Structures are given as structure tokens and as C-alpha cells.
Protein backbone atom coordinates (compact mmCIF):
# COMPACT_ATOMS: atom_id res chain seq x y z
CA MET A 1 0.00 0.00 0.00
CA ASN A 2 1.16 3.54 -0.72
CA PRO A 3 2.73 4.87 2.54
CA LEU A 4 1.01 8.24 2.11
CA THR A 5 -2.40 6.56 1.71
CA ARG A 6 -1.71 4.20 4.63
CA HIS A 7 -0.73 6.96 7.01
CA ARG A 8 -3.65 9.22 6.08
CA LYS A 9 -5.68 7.13 8.51
CA LEU A 10 -3.76 8.97 11.22
CA LEU A 11 -5.77 12.07 10.37
CA GLU A 12 -8.75 10.44 12.05
CA ASN A 13 -6.95 11.28 15.30
CA LYS A 14 -7.80 14.88 16.29
CA LYS A 15 -4.31 15.60 17.65
CA VAL A 16 -2.67 14.47 14.43
CA GLU A 17 -5.18 16.40 12.34
CA ARG A 18 -4.50 19.67 14.19
CA TRP A 19 -0.74 19.24 13.83
CA TYR A 20 -1.10 18.32 10.14
CA GLU A 21 -3.35 21.31 9.36
CA ASN A 22 -0.89 23.63 11.08
CA LEU A 23 1.90 22.34 8.79
CA LYS A 24 -0.36 22.48 5.76
CA ALA A 25 -1.04 26.19 6.36
CA ARG A 26 2.60 26.72 5.49
CA SER A 27 3.22 23.96 2.94
CA GLN A 28 1.10 21.14 1.51
CA VAL A 29 4.23 19.25 0.51
CA THR A 30 5.79 19.46 3.98
CA SER A 31 2.58 18.42 5.73
CA ASP A 32 2.20 15.28 3.60
CA ILE A 33 5.85 14.26 3.87
CA TYR A 34 5.80 14.83 7.63
CA LEU A 35 2.61 12.79 8.01
CA ARG A 36 4.14 9.84 6.19
CA ASN A 37 7.39 9.89 8.18
CA PHE A 38 5.55 10.39 11.47
CA GLY A 39 3.49 7.29 10.66
CA LEU A 40 6.62 5.28 9.90
CA TRP A 41 8.22 6.20 13.22
CA LEU A 42 5.09 5.31 15.14
CA GLU A 43 5.32 1.89 13.49
CA TYR A 44 9.03 1.61 14.33
CA LEU A 45 8.34 2.40 18.01
CA HIS A 46 5.04 0.44 18.20
CA LEU A 47 3.28 3.52 19.55
CA ASP A 48 0.17 5.54 18.69
CA PRO A 49 -0.27 9.36 18.55
CA GLU A 50 -1.43 9.49 22.19
CA THR A 51 1.15 7.21 23.82
CA VAL A 52 4.12 8.77 22.00
CA ILE A 53 3.38 12.05 23.79
CA ILE A 54 3.06 10.34 27.15
CA MET A 55 6.23 8.29 26.70
CA ALA A 56 8.36 11.22 25.50
CA ARG A 57 7.10 13.46 28.33
CA ASP A 58 6.89 11.04 31.28
CA HIS A 59 9.34 8.25 30.39
CA PHE A 60 12.03 10.06 28.47
CA ASP A 61 14.86 7.55 29.14
CA ASP A 62 12.80 4.67 27.78
CA PHE A 63 11.70 6.80 24.84
CA LYS A 64 15.28 7.78 24.02
CA GLY A 65 16.43 4.19 24.31
CA SER A 66 13.76 2.96 21.90
CA VAL A 67 14.59 5.70 19.39
CA SER A 68 18.30 4.89 19.66
CA ASP A 69 17.63 1.18 19.02
CA VAL A 70 15.61 2.01 15.89
CA ILE A 71 18.36 4.33 14.58
CA ARG A 72 21.06 1.67 15.02
CA GLY A 73 18.85 -0.89 13.34
CA LEU A 74 18.26 1.39 10.34
CA GLU A 75 21.99 2.07 10.07
CA LYS A 76 22.70 -1.69 9.96
CA LYS A 77 20.16 -2.04 7.15
CA GLY A 78 22.12 0.55 5.16
CA THR A 79 19.69 3.46 5.48
CA MET A 80 21.54 6.71 4.85
CA GLY A 81 22.20 8.90 7.88
CA ALA A 82 20.65 11.90 6.15
CA SER A 83 17.44 9.93 5.57
CA ILE A 84 17.28 8.82 9.20
CA SER A 85 17.85 12.37 10.43
CA THR A 86 15.21 13.76 8.07
CA GLY A 87 12.74 10.99 8.92
CA ILE A 88 12.79 11.60 12.66
CA LYS A 89 12.13 15.35 12.42
CA PRO A 90 8.33 15.00 11.94
CA MET A 91 8.00 13.12 15.24
CA ILE A 92 9.98 15.85 17.02
CA SER A 93 7.73 18.44 15.32
CA TYR A 94 4.57 16.63 16.50
CA LEU A 95 5.83 16.46 20.08
CA LYS A 96 6.85 20.11 20.04
CA PHE A 97 3.37 21.10 18.79
CA TYR A 98 2.02 19.58 22.03
CA ASN A 99 4.62 21.33 24.17
CA VAL A 100 6.90 18.32 24.57
CA SER A 101 10.38 19.48 23.62
CA VAL A 102 12.87 16.62 23.43
CA LYS A 103 16.61 16.76 22.91
CA LEU A 104 17.65 13.24 22.04
CA GLY A 105 21.40 13.81 21.70
CA ILE A 106 21.75 10.65 19.60
CA ASN A 107 24.51 10.68 17.01
CA ILE A 108 23.65 9.40 13.54
CA ARG A 109 26.39 8.20 11.20
CA ASN A 110 26.88 10.51 8.20
CA GLU A 111 23.91 12.58 9.35
CA ASN A 112 24.90 15.61 7.31
CA ARG A 113 26.00 13.73 4.21
CA ASN A 114 23.88 12.67 1.26
CA LEU A 115 26.09 9.86 0.00
CA LYS A 116 24.03 9.26 -3.13
CA ALA A 117 24.13 12.94 -4.07
CA GLU A 118 27.89 13.05 -3.47
CA LYS A 119 28.41 10.28 -6.01
CA GLU A 120 26.22 11.91 -8.63
CA VAL A 121 27.87 13.49 -11.63
CA ILE A 122 26.02 16.42 -13.16
CA PRO A 123 24.81 15.47 -16.66
CA GLY A 124 26.68 16.96 -19.58
CA LYS A 125 24.76 18.53 -22.46
CA ASP A 126 25.25 15.37 -24.54
CA ASN A 127 23.76 13.23 -21.73
CA LEU A 128 20.81 15.59 -21.38
CA ALA A 129 20.28 15.56 -25.15
CA LYS A 130 20.17 11.75 -25.12
CA ILE A 131 17.60 11.72 -22.30
CA LEU A 132 15.45 14.28 -24.14
CA ARG A 133 15.54 12.16 -27.30
CA MET A 134 14.33 9.12 -25.34
CA ALA A 135 11.51 11.04 -23.62
CA THR A 136 7.87 11.32 -24.66
CA LEU A 137 6.69 14.84 -25.49
CA ARG A 138 5.22 15.29 -22.01
CA GLU A 139 8.37 14.10 -20.21
CA ARG A 140 10.51 16.16 -22.60
CA VAL A 141 8.64 19.31 -21.59
CA SER A 142 8.80 18.38 -17.89
CA ILE A 143 12.56 17.78 -18.04
CA SER A 144 13.07 21.01 -20.03
CA LEU A 145 11.20 23.06 -17.43
CA MET A 146 13.49 21.65 -14.74
CA ALA A 147 16.79 21.71 -16.67
CA PHE A 148 16.31 24.94 -18.66
CA SER A 149 14.08 26.93 -16.25
CA GLY A 150 15.06 25.47 -12.88
CA LEU A 151 11.50 24.65 -11.81
CA ARG A 152 11.01 22.25 -8.92
CA PRO A 153 8.90 19.17 -9.78
CA GLU A 154 6.18 20.34 -7.35
CA VAL A 155 5.64 23.44 -9.49
CA LEU A 156 4.51 21.30 -12.44
CA GLY A 157 2.07 19.29 -10.34
CA ASN A 158 1.79 19.28 -6.55
CA ILE A 159 1.72 16.30 -4.23
CA ASP A 160 -2.03 15.65 -4.42
CA GLY A 161 -2.61 16.83 -7.99
CA SER A 162 -4.75 19.78 -6.91
CA ASP A 163 -2.55 22.51 -8.40
CA GLY A 164 0.38 23.12 -10.70
CA LEU A 165 1.67 25.26 -13.54
CA VAL A 166 -1.11 26.46 -15.86
CA ILE A 167 -1.20 28.09 -19.30
CA GLY A 168 -1.95 31.45 -17.67
CA ASP A 169 1.38 31.27 -15.81
CA ILE A 170 3.14 31.73 -19.18
CA PRO A 171 2.22 35.32 -20.16
CA ASP A 172 4.21 35.22 -23.43
CA LEU A 173 2.19 32.26 -24.77
CA ARG A 174 -0.57 32.87 -27.32
CA ILE A 175 -2.89 30.31 -28.96
CA THR A 176 -4.38 31.29 -32.32
CA GLU A 177 -6.29 28.93 -34.61
CA GLY A 178 -4.81 25.86 -32.97
CA LYS A 179 -1.23 27.13 -33.12
CA VAL A 180 1.01 28.17 -30.24
CA ASN A 181 3.08 31.33 -30.60
CA TYR A 182 5.19 33.41 -28.22
CA ASP A 183 5.36 37.17 -27.80
CA HIS A 184 8.94 36.86 -26.58
CA VAL A 185 11.62 34.18 -26.44
CA PRO A 186 13.02 33.36 -23.92
CA VAL A 187 9.51 32.83 -22.59
CA GLN A 188 8.60 34.17 -19.14
CA ILE A 189 7.22 31.63 -16.63
CA ASN A 190 5.53 32.85 -13.46
CA VAL A 191 5.57 30.73 -10.29
CA ARG A 192 2.65 31.59 -8.02
CA PRO A 193 3.15 31.77 -4.21
CA GLU A 194 1.12 28.58 -3.68
CA LEU A 195 3.53 26.69 -5.96
CA SER A 196 6.71 28.31 -4.63
CA LYS A 197 8.74 26.55 -1.95
CA ILE A 198 9.62 29.90 -0.41
CA ARG A 199 5.90 30.85 -0.50
CA THR A 200 6.56 33.99 -2.51
CA ALA A 201 6.02 34.55 -6.22
CA TYR A 202 8.93 34.63 -8.65
CA PHE A 203 9.49 34.16 -12.37
CA THR A 204 11.99 32.39 -14.57
CA PHE A 205 12.42 31.84 -18.32
CA LEU A 206 12.43 29.10 -20.96
CA GLY A 207 14.71 29.41 -23.98
CA PRO A 208 14.26 28.49 -27.68
CA GLU A 209 14.84 24.75 -27.32
CA GLY A 210 12.49 24.25 -24.37
CA SER A 211 9.82 26.56 -25.78
CA GLU A 212 9.79 24.55 -29.02
CA TYR A 213 9.17 21.32 -27.06
CA LEU A 214 6.35 23.05 -25.19
CA LYS A 215 4.83 24.28 -28.46
CA GLU A 216 4.86 20.76 -29.95
CA TYR A 217 3.31 19.26 -26.80
CA LEU A 218 0.50 21.79 -26.55
CA GLU A 219 -0.30 21.70 -30.27
CA LEU A 220 -0.56 17.90 -30.08
CA ARG A 221 -3.12 18.25 -27.29
CA ILE A 222 -5.05 20.85 -29.27
CA ALA A 223 -5.09 18.52 -32.27
CA SER A 224 -6.47 15.73 -30.06
CA GLY A 225 -9.52 17.89 -29.24
CA GLU A 226 -8.47 19.55 -25.99
CA THR A 227 -9.37 23.19 -25.45
CA LEU A 228 -6.56 25.04 -23.72
CA LYS A 229 -7.58 27.84 -21.38
CA LYS A 230 -5.67 30.00 -18.93
CA ASN A 231 -6.42 27.56 -16.08
CA THR A 232 -5.47 24.47 -18.11
CA PRO A 233 -2.51 22.50 -16.69
CA VAL A 234 0.70 22.75 -18.67
CA ILE A 235 1.49 19.12 -17.74
CA VAL A 236 -1.46 16.72 -17.73
CA PRO A 237 -1.83 13.19 -16.29
CA VAL A 238 -2.03 11.52 -19.71
CA GLU A 239 -0.31 12.11 -23.05
CA LYS A 240 -3.55 13.22 -24.75
CA GLN A 241 -5.62 14.88 -22.07
CA LEU A 242 -9.25 13.74 -21.89
CA LEU A 243 -11.74 16.59 -21.84
CA GLU A 244 -13.37 15.37 -18.62
CA LYS A 245 -9.99 15.45 -16.90
CA LYS A 246 -8.81 18.80 -18.23
CA ASN A 247 -8.50 20.45 -14.81
CA ARG A 248 -6.50 17.67 -13.16
CA PHE A 249 -2.76 17.96 -12.58
CA LEU A 250 -0.14 15.23 -12.62
CA LEU A 251 0.88 14.28 -9.05
CA THR A 252 4.50 15.04 -8.17
CA THR A 253 5.22 11.38 -7.36
CA LEU A 254 3.86 10.20 -10.73
CA LEU A 255 5.72 12.95 -12.58
CA LEU A 256 9.01 11.92 -10.94
CA ARG A 257 8.30 8.25 -11.64
CA ARG A 258 7.81 8.95 -15.35
CA ILE A 259 10.97 11.09 -15.53
CA LYS A 260 12.95 8.41 -13.67
CA GLY A 261 11.76 5.84 -16.21
CA THR A 262 13.04 8.05 -19.03
CA ILE A 263 16.43 8.47 -17.32
CA ILE A 264 16.79 4.70 -16.91
CA LYS A 265 15.71 4.09 -20.52
CA ALA A 266 18.52 6.40 -21.62
CA GLY A 267 21.02 4.31 -19.62
CA PHE A 268 21.55 6.51 -16.55
CA GLU A 269 20.77 6.22 -12.82
CA TRP A 270 20.27 9.86 -11.80
CA ARG A 271 17.49 11.14 -9.60
CA PRO A 272 14.94 13.30 -11.46
CA TYR A 273 15.95 16.25 -9.28
CA ILE A 274 19.34 16.18 -11.03
CA PHE A 275 17.87 18.38 -13.76
CA ARG A 276 17.30 21.27 -11.37
CA ILE A 277 20.82 20.74 -10.06
CA TYR A 278 22.01 20.85 -13.68
CA PHE A 279 20.28 24.23 -14.07
CA GLY A 280 21.79 25.66 -10.87
CA THR A 281 25.29 24.35 -11.58
CA ASN A 282 25.36 25.78 -15.10
CA LEU A 283 24.06 29.13 -13.85
CA ASP A 284 27.01 29.12 -11.43
CA SER A 285 29.34 28.74 -14.41
CA ALA A 286 27.56 31.55 -16.25
CA GLU A 287 27.75 33.76 -13.16
CA ALA A 288 31.51 33.10 -12.91
CA LYS A 289 31.81 34.41 -16.49
CA GLY A 290 29.86 37.55 -15.57
CA LEU A 291 26.86 36.62 -17.74
CA ILE A 292 24.30 36.76 -14.92
CA SER A 293 24.36 38.59 -11.59
CA HIS A 294 24.12 36.69 -8.31
CA PRO A 295 20.80 38.31 -7.27
CA TRP A 296 19.21 37.35 -10.59
CA ARG A 297 20.58 33.82 -10.30
CA GLN A 298 18.99 33.50 -6.84
CA PHE A 299 15.71 34.96 -8.03
CA ILE A 300 15.08 32.74 -11.07
CA MET A 301 16.12 29.68 -9.03
CA GLY A 302 13.35 30.50 -6.55
CA HIS A 303 15.81 30.92 -3.67
CA LYS A 304 15.52 33.32 -0.77
CA GLY A 305 17.89 36.15 -1.51
CA ASP A 306 18.50 39.48 0.15
CA ILE A 307 15.42 41.03 1.74
CA GLU A 308 15.33 43.55 -1.11
CA GLU A 309 15.07 40.81 -3.74
CA THR A 310 11.29 40.71 -3.84
CA TYR A 311 8.92 39.92 -6.69
CA THR A 312 7.65 43.50 -6.69
CA LYS A 313 11.14 44.82 -7.28
CA ARG A 314 11.83 42.35 -10.08
CA GLU A 315 8.43 42.64 -11.74
CA GLY A 316 9.41 45.91 -13.39
CA LYS A 317 12.67 44.44 -14.67
CA ILE A 318 11.45 41.45 -16.66
CA GLU A 319 13.43 42.44 -19.76
CA GLU A 320 16.59 42.79 -17.69
CA GLY A 321 16.06 39.27 -16.37
CA ARG A 322 15.30 37.96 -19.85
CA GLU A 323 18.51 39.49 -21.18
CA GLN A 324 20.63 37.98 -18.41
CA TYR A 325 18.98 34.58 -18.81
CA SER A 326 19.55 34.71 -22.59
CA LYS A 327 23.27 35.07 -22.04
CA CYS A 328 23.25 31.76 -20.14
CA LEU A 329 21.60 29.67 -22.90
CA ASP A 330 24.90 28.26 -24.18
CA TYR A 331 25.41 26.77 -20.71
CA LEU A 332 21.89 25.30 -20.49
CA GLU A 333 20.40 24.15 -23.78
CA THR A 334 21.65 21.19 -25.79
CA SER A 335 21.35 23.05 -29.12
CA GLU A 336 24.10 25.44 -30.12
CA HIS A 337 23.64 29.20 -29.77
CA GLY A 338 25.85 31.89 -31.26
CA ILE A 339 29.56 31.52 -31.94
CA LYS A 340 31.91 29.54 -29.73
CA GLU A 341 35.03 31.33 -28.51
CA GLU A 342 37.31 28.86 -30.29
CA ASP A 343 35.53 29.56 -33.61
CA VAL A 344 35.79 33.36 -33.48
CA ALA A 345 39.35 33.58 -34.85
CA LYS A 346 38.56 31.11 -37.64
CA ILE A 347 35.40 32.93 -38.67
CA THR A 348 37.13 36.31 -38.56
CA SER A 349 39.96 35.04 -40.78
CA ASN A 350 37.54 33.52 -43.27
CA THR A 351 35.60 36.79 -43.43
CA MET A 352 38.82 38.67 -44.17
CA ARG A 353 39.68 36.20 -46.94
CA GLU A 354 36.22 36.49 -48.52
CA THR A 355 36.35 40.29 -48.31
CA THR A 356 39.83 40.44 -49.91
CA ILE A 357 38.70 38.23 -52.80
CA MET A 358 35.58 40.34 -53.36
CA ILE A 359 37.54 43.63 -53.36
CA LEU A 360 40.12 42.40 -55.85
CA GLU A 361 37.46 40.83 -58.07
CA ALA A 362 35.76 44.22 -58.24
CA ALA A 363 39.03 46.07 -58.79
CA TYR A 364 40.02 43.87 -61.75
CA GLY A 365 36.50 43.45 -63.08
CA MET A 366 36.74 39.65 -63.02
CA GLN A 367 35.33 36.71 -61.10
CA LEU A 368 37.02 33.55 -59.83
CA SER A 369 35.52 30.08 -60.06
CA ASP A 370 34.29 28.29 -56.92
CA LYS A 371 37.25 25.92 -57.16
CA GLU A 372 39.73 28.81 -57.32
CA LYS A 373 38.07 30.48 -54.32
CA GLU A 374 38.17 27.25 -52.35
CA GLU A 375 41.92 26.92 -52.96
CA LEU A 376 42.51 30.54 -51.95
CA MET A 377 40.55 30.16 -48.68
CA GLY A 378 43.21 27.73 -47.49
CA LEU A 379 45.98 30.34 -47.68
CA GLU A 380 47.16 32.51 -44.84
CA ILE A 381 45.92 36.10 -45.01
CA ASN A 382 49.39 37.52 -45.75
CA GLU A 383 49.82 35.12 -48.71
CA LEU A 384 46.35 35.63 -50.13
CA GLN A 385 46.73 39.13 -51.61
CA ASP A 386 49.98 38.34 -53.43
CA ARG A 387 48.53 35.16 -54.86
CA LEU A 388 45.40 37.00 -56.01
CA LYS A 389 47.47 39.63 -57.83
CA GLU A 390 49.30 36.89 -59.71
CA ILE A 391 46.04 35.20 -60.69
CA PHE A 392 44.41 38.42 -61.89
CA ARG A 393 47.54 39.53 -63.75
CA ASP A 394 47.64 36.22 -65.61
CA LYS A 395 43.89 36.33 -66.29
CA ARG A 396 44.10 39.88 -67.55
CA ALA A 397 47.00 39.01 -69.82
CA GLU A 398 45.05 36.06 -71.15
CA ILE A 399 42.07 38.27 -71.91
CA LEU A 400 43.88 41.31 -73.25
CA ASN A 401 46.85 39.81 -75.03
CA ASN A 402 46.03 36.18 -75.85
CA GLY A 403 47.92 34.98 -72.80
CA ASN A 404 51.08 37.03 -73.38
CA LYS A 405 52.37 39.22 -70.57
CA HIS A 406 54.19 41.59 -73.00
CA LYS A 407 52.81 43.45 -75.97
CA THR A 408 54.30 45.47 -78.82
CA ILE A 409 52.31 48.50 -79.85
CA PRO A 410 52.75 51.53 -82.11
CA GLU A 411 54.57 54.24 -80.20
CA ARG A 412 51.75 56.65 -80.97
CA ASP A 413 49.38 54.47 -78.85
CA LEU A 414 51.70 54.31 -75.84
CA GLU A 415 50.02 57.07 -73.84
CA SER A 416 46.63 55.43 -74.20
CA TYR A 417 47.91 52.05 -72.88
CA LEU A 418 49.79 53.63 -70.02
CA ASN A 419 46.58 55.35 -68.95
CA LYS A 420 44.91 51.90 -68.85
CA GLY A 421 47.49 50.54 -66.40
CA TRP A 422 50.08 48.97 -68.68
CA GLU A 423 53.78 49.59 -67.98
CA LEU A 424 56.48 50.58 -70.47
CA VAL A 425 59.27 48.03 -71.03
CA GLN A 426 61.15 49.77 -73.84
CA ILE A 427 60.83 51.89 -77.02
CA TYR A 428 62.34 50.56 -80.21
CA PRO A 429 65.44 52.52 -81.37
CA ARG A 430 63.62 53.68 -84.46
CA GLY A 431 60.98 55.22 -82.20
CA ASP A 432 57.96 53.87 -84.03
CA LYS A 433 57.12 50.96 -81.68
CA ALA A 434 57.07 50.28 -77.96
CA VAL A 435 57.02 47.16 -75.73
CA ILE A 436 54.64 47.26 -72.78
CA LYS A 437 53.65 44.77 -70.05
CA LEU A 438 50.90 44.21 -67.53
CA PRO A 439 51.74 45.45 -64.04
CA LEU A 440 52.87 42.95 -61.38
């Protein structure tokens, strides 16, 4: 049985319900996770919601001993210290809610280390590209929103499927005659307070690659007969959303399960959350290059920044954020953008070669064949001009003098030829003829 479903029976207890609702007022995700872990620890200790309070308050030594025995048992089973430490917090929270503050003082091996996360290698762009190729359209969009926009999975669909990202959260998106278009790219994506982990609104962006995946996904749904409105989920529970289910969101757990399946199919073992880590890590690299400021990096990641970094302050600077995000695309998307640094010198040199050829073609009133141009493009810049002069001199001689570089003319015509660019070689002793040549 699903642990969350199993432990929901605890809500029949009034004490548990009050504690749960208090957590839920702050975060639906936290309240559900805490309920599940609290239920597990009650099972470990063979206690119920009433007796755990009594035991922790009135028989602390026995309570501490039982907790210690469970911790050591979990360690022997190979449970990570970080998981044990996280799992016990809900029980401490429940006791504290009923004014029972306990300080266990029990050490947990590797409590502050996530050993699985430490072993993880951040995907490279080629790995991400492979995963995207293996994904269905829906999973491709979900992964893109995490890897290219930094969205948490819970933003796409919350833990109980009651809320998530909707079409209206993408203000740049327009649907006209069954086609999806964008007012701006990168596309702005708003995260409402109820979807934000920090409980405050923020916005991020989605670049050309991700926005194209989103366009394909939404247009497929439109073609299947779905009507997309502002309150329509961006990610739906099925590939082709049924009309009667159009307002339902994909549960976070199911979303992660589908993404995990795609990762495994591509031959990797990463957690789905690795895509948000990919986003954050590559923004760090972009920040180190001065492409994005630290406050903007914090903001579009949905992190708590300085007290001044509020949504209201940023709302009037959307274009500034879009510009900074755009500069980071080469670090995020799998498709190439712009010119790589190592290609700049090559491209500049080629441009100079092409320009030199064009200028000299115009100057001599001639054109080279594609084969001749191709051969010239392989020369160094300082060799190119000299070689071009030789080619054009020979071509001009061929055209003007049947291939001969020298020409004998009547002396009376000498001035006319000199004005055309020919050079004097000599005048015959009799003075009636002259020898001229084409210039070097």
C-alpha cells in the first residue's frame, strides 16, 4: 500500500489532524511528507499518537532508548544517515506542537551527508540531449522546465494533484487557430506563491529549445480535441488529455516516476531532481563568467535572496532578467547558440579572406571560379593578396593579349595604354614601336 495513503488514517486522530493542518497552512508538501514519516516512526516504536506524547514526556529515558535502538537498526540495514535524520524530524515536530520538547542527543552516522548525491555526476549537455531524445513529449517538456528553467517538480504538479503550472502562468504564450506562438523568447514563466517553496512569487524563463518542445506538446493536445484555457494544466496526467480530466494535474510522485523511467531508458541512474541541479550548476558557471548577476541567479532559481530581492522589485525588470537569462543559454540548452570562442578567430579570418577576394574581383573586373576560391581560402591572409594579384595579372594578360604578358604597340598608342594601367618596357630605337607589359 502507498505509505502516504496508509498513514492518512492517522488524520482520524484529532491531535494528528490539528498538527497536520498547522503544517499544511505553510506547505502542503511538507505536511504530507511529515505525516508519512511520522506514521513510519510510530510503526518503528510500536506507539500511537497518544502514547508517543506520554512516553516522551513522562518516560524520556525509555523513549530515548527505543529511538536509539531504531536508529542503530536502520543504520545496519544501510539506510543513509541523512534519511534517518530527516525521517525523525516529523516526530519531534509533532511532540513540540504539544509542548513536549525533546533533545535526544543521539549521534547518527553521516547525518549531514547525502552519500548518493555526493556520487552523482552532473549530466553533460550530450547526456541531457540523449535523455530528451528518449523522452515522450510530455516528459521532454517536464525535463526542459526543470533543466532549462530550474522549476522544482512540485511546481509542475503538486503532491495531491490539486494545483500546478497552468497556461496562464506563461504570459508570453498565445494560442491562435490551434497554433502556439510566443510574444517573446526566452519565454517568461511565473511561479505563483502557492507553488513556490519559499511561499513567494517569482518568475523564470524558458529558452528556444524548451519553448519549441512546449509548443509541440501543446499543439498535439489541441489537435487531439483539448481546449486550452488559462487555467489548463501545462502538464497533464495523460499524453492526450481527456476533456473530462482537463482540470487535473499530474501528481509530483507520478511525474518523478515517469521522468525516472526516461532516465533509466537512456542508460543513466540519476534522480529526477538532477535536472534542477544541472540548471543551478550551469548558472554558477555563467555567473563566474559575468553573464548573470548573483541576485538574478537567486531569483530565477526561486531561492531566498536578500530582503530587497522581492517579486515587486523584479516585476518591473522582466526584460533585464530575460537578457541575463539569454546570455546563459549556451550553458543550459543542448542546441548550439551563437559563436563559440574557439571559432571566433577562424570565422574572422575567413571573413577577411572572402572580403579580400571580393575587393580584388571588383578592382580587376573579373570573377574567380568556386574551385579557385576554395583553394585561396586555405591560404594565410598575408599570402592571399599576393597570390590574387598573380592570378588576376595572368587572367588579364590572357584576356587582353592572348595569354602574353608583354605586348608590342605603335609608339603613338603608348600614352593610351599607359593610362589603362600597362607599364612601359622599352621603345624601339627607331621610335615607331614600344614594348609594354601588364603590371605585377
